[in-house]
Amino acid sequence: MKLIILAIAAWILTGLIAVLGVTAGATIWFDVEPVVDSVPDPASYFVAVAVGFLALFLSFMTSIAFTVRAAHCTARRNAH
């Protein structure tokens, strides 16, 4: 049961990271849109995007791993 709760929490965290990334992107676009093409994009934007996608990918993989492990343990427990 604890592993199932952990898997659910991992999926919630993955969803929150995705929502945070979308809202951060929208906020940055709202702030930058008036000056598009008038100044070069700072390198920090690309670093932030790369790190955000990496965090989302790692969270997604962790969520999948916890879900598979929870399903495996539940199936094993039900087999006995």
Protein backbone atom coordinates (compact mmCIF):
# COMPACT_ATOMS: atom_id res chain seq x y z
CA MET A 1 0.00 0.00 0.00
CA LYS A 2 2.83 2.39 0.82
CA LEU A 3 4.38 1.85 -2.61
CA ILE A 4 1.09 2.68 -4.31
CA ILE A 5 0.88 5.94 -2.36
CA LEU A 6 4.46 6.71 -3.37
CA ALA A 7 3.62 6.04 -7.03
CA ILE A 8 0.61 8.36 -6.83
CA ALA A 9 2.74 11.05 -5.19
CA ALA A 10 5.35 10.67 -7.93
CA TRP A 11 2.71 11.18 -10.64
CA ILE A 12 1.35 14.23 -8.81
CA LEU A 13 4.88 15.66 -8.65
CA THR A 14 5.37 15.01 -12.37
CA GLY A 15 2.12 16.83 -13.09
CA LEU A 16 3.13 19.75 -10.91
CA ILE A 17 6.49 20.03 -12.69
CA ALA A 18 4.68 20.11 -16.05
CA VAL A 19 2.25 22.78 -14.84
CA LEU A 20 5.10 24.82 -13.37
CA GLY A 21 7.01 24.60 -16.66
CA VAL A 22 4.02 25.74 -18.70
CA THR A 23 3.23 28.64 -16.39
CA ALA A 24 6.89 29.68 -16.20
CA GLY A 25 7.11 29.59 -20.00
CA ALA A 26 3.95 31.67 -20.32
CA THR A 27 5.25 34.19 -17.80
CA ILE A 28 8.59 34.50 -19.57
CA TRP A 29 6.83 34.88 -22.93
CA PHE A 30 4.52 37.57 -21.51
CA ASP A 31 7.54 39.51 -20.18
CA VAL A 32 9.72 39.04 -23.28
CA GLU A 33 7.11 39.32 -26.05
CA PRO A 34 7.18 43.15 -26.25
CA VAL A 35 10.94 43.15 -26.95
CA VAL A 36 11.16 40.13 -29.27
CA ASP A 37 13.91 40.61 -31.86
CA SER A 38 15.02 43.91 -30.32
CA VAL A 39 17.48 42.29 -27.91
CA PRO A 40 19.17 38.88 -28.05
CA ASP A 41 17.80 36.08 -25.88
CA PRO A 42 19.89 35.53 -22.76
CA ALA A 43 21.64 32.17 -22.53
CA SER A 44 19.98 31.61 -19.16
CA TYR A 45 16.64 31.04 -20.91
CA PHE A 46 18.03 28.07 -22.79
CA VAL A 47 19.66 26.71 -19.64
CA ALA A 48 16.35 27.04 -17.78
CA VAL A 49 14.48 25.24 -20.55
CA ALA A 50 17.04 22.42 -20.68
CA VAL A 51 17.01 21.95 -16.91
CA GLY A 52 13.21 22.07 -16.82
CA PHE A 53 12.87 19.39 -19.50
CA LEU A 54 15.50 17.27 -17.71
CA ALA A 55 13.61 17.57 -14.40
CA LEU A 56 10.35 16.64 -16.14
CA PHE A 57 11.97 13.66 -17.88
CA LEU A 58 13.56 12.36 -14.67
CA SER A 59 10.30 12.78 -12.76
CA PHE A 60 8.40 10.98 -15.53
CA MET A 61 10.86 8.06 -15.49
CA THR A 62 10.69 7.87 -11.68
CA SER A 63 6.88 7.84 -11.82
CA ILE A 64 6.93 5.01 -14.34
CA ALA A 65 9.41 3.05 -12.23
CA PHE A 66 7.32 3.43 -9.05
CA THR A 67 4.15 2.46 -10.91
CA VAL A 68 5.73 -0.65 -12.44
CA ARG A 69 7.22 -1.65 -9.09
CA ALA A 70 3.89 -1.14 -7.29
CA ALA A 71 2.05 -3.18 -9.94
CA HIS A 72 4.67 -5.93 -9.75
CA CYS A 73 4.47 -6.14 -5.96
CA THR A 74 0.66 -6.11 -6.01
CA ALA A 75 0.53 -8.87 -8.63
CA ARG A 76 3.06 -10.92 -6.70
CA ARG A 77 1.15 -10.49 -3.44
CA ASN A 78 -2.13 -11.50 -5.13
CA ALA A 79 -0.51 -14.59 -6.67
CA HIS A 80 0.36 -16.00 -3.25
